């Protein structure tokens, strides 16, 4: 289990802190830092929209996120300590569907695992979710592998569920129940606490 600290800010907003990350609500100016992720075709390869062409487009996306009632409540910008530069996002929308992305320069450092391992217990224990779901492109083996490592199970598959640009994309559906998560935590082996690459 990743050690986390939750700080209640205001009006239901929280910040979630781990040893290397701070998860917080989106705010003006984040588009600058997050454009590294949103503008990268490799990062956006399996996202639900095409890569952003300009920083202004990323900033507009952040502004829309900041106006949502989920901002800083169940949907967060991932910031890297100690400078707290935005490097990605993680969160739940559509009630219980989780999504995440990380700038390519931060891949293979265990940071996506750390962010998800911090937000999942918060969603179950404080937001009282009974299950968390995910909709992943079946070609995105890294994402699916990470979710399986966290205890998610494949719940279904559907062809041509949404269109990105000119391409129709399939979906692999995954889910994690609170009971499964709590069982995983109680059986945690010291080996599971060692940071691994994802």
C-alpha atoms as a PDB file:
ATOM      1  CA  UNK A   1       0.000   0.000   0.000  1.00  0.00           C
ATOM      2  CA  UNK A   2       1.262   3.484  -0.887  1.00  0.00           C
ATOM      3  CA  UNK A   3       1.364   5.786   2.149  1.00  0.00           C
ATOM      4  CA  UNK A   4      -0.983   8.695   1.525  1.00  0.00           C
ATOM      5  CA  UNK A   5      -2.132  11.814   3.314  1.00  0.00           C
ATOM      6  CA  UNK A   6      -5.480  13.435   2.494  1.00  0.00           C
ATOM      7  CA  UNK A   7      -5.945  17.154   3.171  1.00  0.00           C
ATOM      8  CA  UNK A   8      -9.465  18.581   3.052  1.00  0.00           C
ATOM      9  CA  UNK A   9      -9.280  21.997   1.390  1.00  0.00           C
ATOM     10  CA  UNK A  10     -12.818  23.416   1.045  1.00  0.00           C
ATOM     11  CA  UNK A  11     -16.292  22.567  -0.237  1.00  0.00           C
ATOM     12  CA  UNK A  12     -15.447  18.880  -0.531  1.00  0.00           C
ATOM     13  CA  UNK A  13     -12.152  19.486  -2.317  1.00  0.00           C
ATOM     14  CA  UNK A  14      -9.146  17.473  -1.211  1.00  0.00           C
ATOM     15  CA  UNK A  15      -5.465  17.081  -1.962  1.00  0.00           C
ATOM     16  CA  UNK A  16      -3.923  13.612  -1.821  1.00  0.00           C
ATOM     17  CA  UNK A  17      -0.207  13.410  -1.110  1.00  0.00           C
ATOM     18  CA  UNK A  18       2.195  10.483  -1.515  1.00  0.00           C
ATOM     19  CA  UNK A  19       5.967  10.379  -1.156  1.00  0.00           C
ATOM     20  CA  UNK A  20       6.464  11.589  -4.739  1.00  0.00           C
ATOM     21  CA  UNK A  21       3.138  13.010  -5.867  1.00  0.00           C
ATOM     22  CA  UNK A  22       0.451  15.541  -5.046  1.00  0.00           C
ATOM     23  CA  UNK A  23      -3.015  14.989  -6.516  1.00  0.00           C
ATOM     24  CA  UNK A  24      -4.996  18.247  -6.571  1.00  0.00           C
ATOM     25  CA  UNK A  25      -7.754  19.988  -8.463  1.00  0.00           C
ATOM     26  CA  UNK A  26      -7.025  21.582 -11.827  1.00  0.00           C
ATOM     27  CA  UNK A  27      -6.353  25.313 -11.918  1.00  0.00           C
ATOM     28  CA  UNK A  28      -5.522  28.026 -14.441  1.00  0.00           C
ATOM     29  CA  UNK A  29      -2.051  27.615 -15.896  1.00  0.00           C
ATOM     30  CA  UNK A  30      -1.962  23.815 -15.663  1.00  0.00           C
ATOM     31  CA  UNK A  31      -2.416  23.567 -19.427  1.00  0.00           C
ATOM     32  CA  UNK A  32       1.157  24.756 -19.908  1.00  0.00           C
ATOM     33  CA  UNK A  33       2.630  21.808 -18.017  1.00  0.00           C
ATOM     34  CA  UNK A  34       0.062  19.239 -19.102  1.00  0.00           C
ATOM     35  CA  UNK A  35       0.440  20.037 -22.792  1.00  0.00           C
ATOM     36  CA  UNK A  36       3.531  17.807 -22.716  1.00  0.00           C
ATOM     37  CA  UNK A  37       1.104  14.917 -22.190  1.00  0.00           C
ATOM     38  CA  UNK A  38      -1.955  16.151 -24.093  1.00  0.00           C
ATOM     39  CA  UNK A  39       0.103  17.179 -27.130  1.00  0.00           C
ATOM     40  CA  UNK A  40       2.072  13.918 -27.347  1.00  0.00           C
ATOM     41  CA  UNK A  41       0.661  11.461 -29.941  1.00  0.00           C
ATOM     42  CA  UNK A  42       2.200   8.519 -28.062  1.00  0.00           C
ATOM     43  CA  UNK A  43       0.529   9.498 -24.759  1.00  0.00           C
ATOM     44  CA  UNK A  44      -2.792  10.199 -26.497  1.00  0.00           C
ATOM     45  CA  UNK A  45      -2.641   7.068 -28.654  1.00  0.00           C
ATOM     46  CA  UNK A  46      -5.314   5.319 -26.584  1.00  0.00           C
ATOM     47  CA  UNK A  47      -7.078   8.395 -25.138  1.00  0.00           C
ATOM     48  CA  UNK A  48     -10.639   9.287 -26.106  1.00  0.00           C
ATOM     49  CA  UNK A  49      -9.592  12.398 -28.073  1.00  0.00           C
ATOM     50  CA  UNK A  50      -6.892  13.317 -30.560  1.00  0.00           C
ATOM     51  CA  UNK A  51      -3.646  14.956 -29.343  1.00  0.00           C
ATOM     52  CA  UNK A  52      -3.964  18.659 -28.577  1.00  0.00           C
ATOM     53  CA  UNK A  53      -2.378  20.840 -31.234  1.00  0.00           C
ATOM     54  CA  UNK A  54      -1.709  23.915 -29.073  1.00  0.00           C
ATOM     55  CA  UNK A  55      -1.093  24.881 -25.443  1.00  0.00           C
ATOM     56  CA  UNK A  56      -4.276  26.979 -25.658  1.00  0.00           C
ATOM     57  CA  UNK A  57      -6.239  23.811 -26.424  1.00  0.00           C
ATOM     58  CA  UNK A  58      -4.752  22.104 -23.358  1.00  0.00           C
ATOM     59  CA  UNK A  59      -5.480  25.171 -21.221  1.00  0.00           C
ATOM     60  CA  UNK A  60      -9.100  25.200 -22.418  1.00  0.00           C
ATOM     61  CA  UNK A  61      -9.379  21.513 -21.473  1.00  0.00           C
ATOM     62  CA  UNK A  62      -8.017  22.332 -18.000  1.00  0.00           C
ATOM     63  CA  UNK A  63     -10.443  25.247 -17.626  1.00  0.00           C
ATOM     64  CA  UNK A  64     -13.341  22.922 -18.426  1.00  0.00           C
ATOM     65  CA  UNK A  65     -12.031  20.385 -15.909  1.00  0.00           C
ATOM     66  CA  UNK A  66     -11.690  23.089 -13.243  1.00  0.00           C
ATOM     67  CA  UNK A  67     -15.360  24.065 -13.665  1.00  0.00           C
ATOM     68  CA  UNK A  68     -16.626  20.503 -13.146  1.00  0.00           C
ATOM     69  CA  UNK A  69     -18.026  19.530  -9.763  1.00  0.00           C
ATOM     70  CA  UNK A  70     -15.668  16.534  -9.768  1.00  0.00           C
ATOM     71  CA  UNK A  71     -12.552  18.755  -9.885  1.00  0.00           C
ATOM     72  CA  UNK A  72     -10.510  18.221  -6.725  1.00  0.00           C
ATOM     73  CA  UNK A  73     -13.215  15.871  -5.447  1.00  0.00           C
ATOM     74  CA  UNK A  74     -12.807  12.751  -7.594  1.00  0.00           C
ATOM     75  CA  UNK A  75     -10.756  14.128 -10.510  1.00  0.00           C
ATOM     76  CA  UNK A  76      -7.191  15.365 -10.054  1.00  0.00           C
ATOM     77  CA  UNK A  77      -4.091  16.773 -11.705  1.00  0.00           C
ATOM     78  CA  UNK A  78      -0.968  14.741 -10.855  1.00  0.00           C
ATOM     79  CA  UNK A  79       1.928  16.939  -9.686  1.00  0.00           C
ATOM     80  CA  UNK A  80       5.486  15.719  -9.158  1.00  0.00           C
ATOM     81  CA  UNK A  81       7.289  16.683  -5.958  1.00  0.00           C
ATOM     82  CA  UNK A  82       9.229  18.696  -4.949  1.00  0.00           C
ATOM     83  CA  UNK A  83       8.510  21.303  -7.655  1.00  0.00           C
ATOM     84  CA  UNK A  84       4.833  20.255  -8.002  1.00  0.00           C
ATOM     85  CA  UNK A  85       4.934  20.485 -11.785  1.00  0.00           C
ATOM     86  CA  UNK A  86       1.800  18.991 -13.422  1.00  0.00           C
ATOM     87  CA  UNK A  87       2.684  15.727 -15.186  1.00  0.00           C
ATOM     88  CA  UNK A  88      -0.697  14.060 -15.750  1.00  0.00           C
ATOM     89  CA  UNK A  89      -4.202  13.462 -14.504  1.00  0.00           C
ATOM     90  CA  UNK A  90      -6.130  10.755 -12.695  1.00  0.00           C
ATOM     91  CA  UNK A  91      -9.713  10.576 -11.610  1.00  0.00           C
ATOM     92  CA  UNK A  92     -13.241   9.323 -11.824  1.00  0.00           C
ATOM     93  CA  UNK A  93     -15.986  10.673 -14.016  1.00  0.00           C
ATOM     94  CA  UNK A  94     -19.295   9.145 -15.134  1.00  0.00           C
ATOM     95  CA  UNK A  95     -19.883   8.271 -11.454  1.00  0.00           C
ATOM     96  CA  UNK A  96     -17.284   5.489 -11.143  1.00  0.00           C
ATOM     97  CA  UNK A  97     -15.207   5.253 -14.343  1.00  0.00           C
ATOM     98  CA  UNK A  98     -11.519   5.945 -13.745  1.00  0.00           C
ATOM     99  CA  UNK A  99      -9.066   7.345 -16.255  1.00  0.00           C
ATOM    100  CA  UNK A 100      -5.439   8.425 -16.110  1.00  0.00           C
ATOM    101  CA  UNK A 101      -2.567   9.655 -18.250  1.00  0.00           C
ATOM    102  CA  UNK A 102       1.032  10.628 -17.615  1.00  0.00           C
ATOM    103  CA  UNK A 103       3.609  12.595 -19.619  1.00  0.00           C
ATOM    104  CA  UNK A 104       5.892  10.193 -21.483  1.00  0.00           C
ATOM    105  CA  UNK A 105       8.978  11.527 -19.653  1.00  0.00           C
ATOM    106  CA  UNK A 106       7.467  10.101 -16.447  1.00  0.00           C
ATOM    107  CA  UNK A 107       6.718   6.593 -17.721  1.00  0.00           C
ATOM    108  CA  UNK A 108       8.345   3.480 -16.206  1.00  0.00           C
ATOM    109  CA  UNK A 109       8.914   5.088 -12.813  1.00  0.00           C
ATOM    110  CA  UNK A 110       5.935   3.565 -10.996  1.00  0.00           C
ATOM    111  CA  UNK A 111       4.149   6.930 -10.847  1.00  0.00           C
ATOM    112  CA  UNK A 112       0.873   5.812 -12.437  1.00  0.00           C
ATOM    113  CA  UNK A 113       0.767   2.918  -9.962  1.00  0.00           C
ATOM    114  CA  UNK A 114       1.462   5.337  -7.105  1.00  0.00           C
ATOM    115  CA  UNK A 115      -1.274   7.759  -8.190  1.00  0.00           C
ATOM    116  CA  UNK A 116      -3.875   5.023  -8.625  1.00  0.00           C
ATOM    117  CA  UNK A 117      -2.898   3.316  -5.377  1.00  0.00           C
ATOM    118  CA  UNK A 118      -3.464   6.653  -3.633  1.00  0.00           C
ATOM    119  CA  UNK A 119      -6.816   7.540  -5.172  1.00  0.00           C
ATOM    120  CA  UNK A 120      -8.492   4.110  -5.045  1.00  0.00           C
ATOM    121  CA  UNK A 121      -8.787   3.816  -1.224  1.00  0.00           C
ATOM    122  CA  UNK A 122      -9.949   7.449  -1.077  1.00  0.00           C
ATOM    123  CA  UNK A 123     -12.715   6.699  -3.592  1.00  0.00           C
ATOM    124  CA  UNK A 124     -13.834   3.619  -1.685  1.00  0.00           C
ATOM    125  CA  UNK A 125     -13.515   4.923   1.871  1.00  0.00           C
ATOM    126  CA  UNK A 126     -14.355   8.628   1.616  1.00  0.00           C
ATOM    127  CA  UNK A 127     -16.515   8.828  -1.514  1.00  0.00           C
ATOM    128  CA  UNK A 128     -18.241   5.519  -0.687  1.00  0.00           C
ATOM    129  CA  UNK A 129     -17.962   4.023  -4.159  1.00  0.00           C
ATOM    130  CA  UNK A 130     -18.867   0.340  -4.255  1.00  0.00           C
ATOM    131  CA  UNK A 131     -16.939  -0.301  -7.445  1.00  0.00           C
ATOM    132  CA  UNK A 132     -14.584   1.475  -9.834  1.00  0.00           C
ATOM    133  CA  UNK A 133     -14.704   0.737 -13.543  1.00  0.00           C
ATOM    134  CA  UNK A 134     -12.392   1.400 -16.478  1.00  0.00           C
ATOM    135  CA  UNK A 135     -12.821   1.468 -20.249  1.00  0.00           C
ATOM    136  CA  UNK A 136      -9.507   0.676 -21.959  1.00  0.00           C
ATOM    137  CA  UNK A 137      -8.506   0.266 -25.575  1.00  0.00           C
ATOM    138  CA  UNK A 138      -7.668  -3.471 -25.827  1.00  0.00           C
ATOM    139  CA  UNK A 139      -4.407  -2.559 -27.606  1.00  0.00           C
ATOM    140  CA  UNK A 140      -3.261  -0.624 -24.527  1.00  0.00           C
ATOM    141  CA  UNK A 141      -1.593  -3.557 -22.792  1.00  0.00           C
ATOM    142  CA  UNK A 142       0.349  -1.331 -20.362  1.00  0.00           C
ATOM    143  CA  UNK A 143      -2.839   0.259 -19.019  1.00  0.00           C
ATOM    144  CA  UNK A 144      -4.699  -3.035 -18.767  1.00  0.00           C
ATOM    145  CA  UNK A 145      -1.695  -4.705 -17.108  1.00  0.00           C
ATOM    146  CA  UNK A 146      -1.485  -1.930 -14.516  1.00  0.00           C
ATOM    147  CA  UNK A 147      -5.197  -2.167 -13.714  1.00  0.00           C
ATOM    148  CA  UNK A 148      -4.972  -5.960 -13.369  1.00  0.00           C
ATOM    149  CA  UNK A 149      -2.000  -5.517 -11.021  1.00  0.00           C
ATOM    150  CA  UNK A 150      -4.188  -3.255  -8.874  1.00  0.00           C
ATOM    151  CA  UNK A 151      -6.887  -5.924  -8.625  1.00  0.00           C
ATOM    152  CA  UNK A 152      -9.216  -4.984 -11.484  1.00  0.00           C
ATOM    153  CA  UNK A 153     -10.772  -7.826 -13.445  1.00  0.00           C
ATOM    154  CA  UNK A 154     -11.907  -7.859 -17.064  1.00  0.00           C
ATOM    155  CA  UNK A 155     -15.691  -7.526 -17.112  1.00  0.00           C
ATOM    156  CA  UNK A 156     -16.394  -7.410 -20.837  1.00  0.00           C
ATOM    157  CA  UNK A 157     -15.469  -6.357 -24.351  1.00  0.00           C
ATOM    158  CA  UNK A 158     -17.281  -4.411 -27.044  1.00  0.00           C
ATOM    159  CA  UNK A 159     -16.354  -3.457 -30.598  1.00  0.00           C
ATOM    160  CA  UNK A 160     -16.470   0.060 -32.042  1.00  0.00           C
ATOM    161  CA  UNK A 161     -17.609   1.846 -28.901  1.00  0.00           C
ATOM    162  CA  UNK A 162     -16.366   5.330 -29.782  1.00  0.00           C
ATOM    163  CA  UNK A 163     -14.708   7.237 -32.592  1.00  0.00           C
ATOM    164  CA  UNK A 164     -11.384   9.078 -32.277  1.00  0.00           C
ATOM    165  CA  UNK A 165     -10.668  11.079 -35.411  1.00  0.00           C
ATOM    166  CA  UNK A 166     -11.435   8.734 -38.298  1.00  0.00           C
ATOM    167  CA  UNK A 167     -10.893   5.540 -36.295  1.00  0.00           C
ATOM    168  CA  UNK A 168     -13.474   3.442 -34.473  1.00  0.00           C
ATOM    169  CA  UNK A 169     -12.078   2.060 -31.221  1.00  0.00           C
ATOM    170  CA  UNK A 170     -12.986  -1.073 -29.252  1.00  0.00           C
ATOM    171  CA  UNK A 171     -13.327  -1.248 -25.469  1.00  0.00           C
ATOM    172  CA  UNK A 172     -12.139  -3.664 -22.809  1.00  0.00           C
ATOM    173  CA  UNK A 173     -14.182  -3.073 -19.660  1.00  0.00           C
ATOM    174  CA  UNK A 174     -12.626  -3.662 -16.246  1.00  0.00           C
ATOM    175  CA  UNK A 175     -13.907  -3.293 -12.701  1.00  0.00           C
ATOM    176  CA  UNK A 176     -12.672  -3.335  -9.129  1.00  0.00           C
ATOM    177  CA  UNK A 177     -15.047  -3.800  -6.193  1.00  0.00           C
ATOM    178  CA  UNK A 178     -14.451  -2.448  -2.721  1.00  0.00           C
ATOM    179  CA  UNK A 179     -14.510  -6.009  -1.350  1.00  0.00           C
ATOM    180  CA  UNK A 180     -11.826  -7.121  -3.812  1.00  0.00           C
ATOM    181  CA  UNK A 181      -9.668  -4.095  -2.944  1.00  0.00           C
ATOM    182  CA  UNK A 182     -10.002  -4.639   0.807  1.00  0.00           C
ATOM    183  CA  UNK A 183      -9.151  -8.325   0.388  1.00  0.00           C
ATOM    184  CA  UNK A 184      -6.083  -7.391  -1.657  1.00  0.00           C
ATOM    185  CA  UNK A 185      -4.955  -4.914   1.028  1.00  0.00           C
ATOM    186  CA  UNK A 186      -5.365  -7.413   3.862  1.00  0.00           C
ATOM    187  CA  UNK A 187      -3.254  -9.989   2.010  1.00  0.00           C
ATOM    188  CA  UNK A 188      -0.514  -7.524   1.092  1.00  0.00           C
ATOM    189  CA  UNK A 189       2.921  -9.086   1.052  1.00  0.00           C
ATOM    190  CA  UNK A 190       5.971  -6.918   1.888  1.00  0.00           C
ATOM    191  CA  UNK A 191       7.078  -7.568  -1.699  1.00  0.00           C
ATOM    192  CA  UNK A 192       3.941  -5.762  -2.900  1.00  0.00           C
ATOM    193  CA  UNK A 193       5.018  -2.615  -1.092  1.00  0.00           C
ATOM    194  CA  UNK A 194       8.192  -2.287  -3.157  1.00  0.00           C
ATOM    195  CA  UNK A 195       7.851   0.289  -5.932  1.00  0.00           C
ATOM    196  CA  UNK A 196       7.832  -1.352  -9.342  1.00  0.00           C
ATOM    197  CA  UNK A 197       7.931   0.012 -12.873  1.00  0.00           C
ATOM    198  CA  UNK A 198       4.685   0.412 -14.768  1.00  0.00           C
END
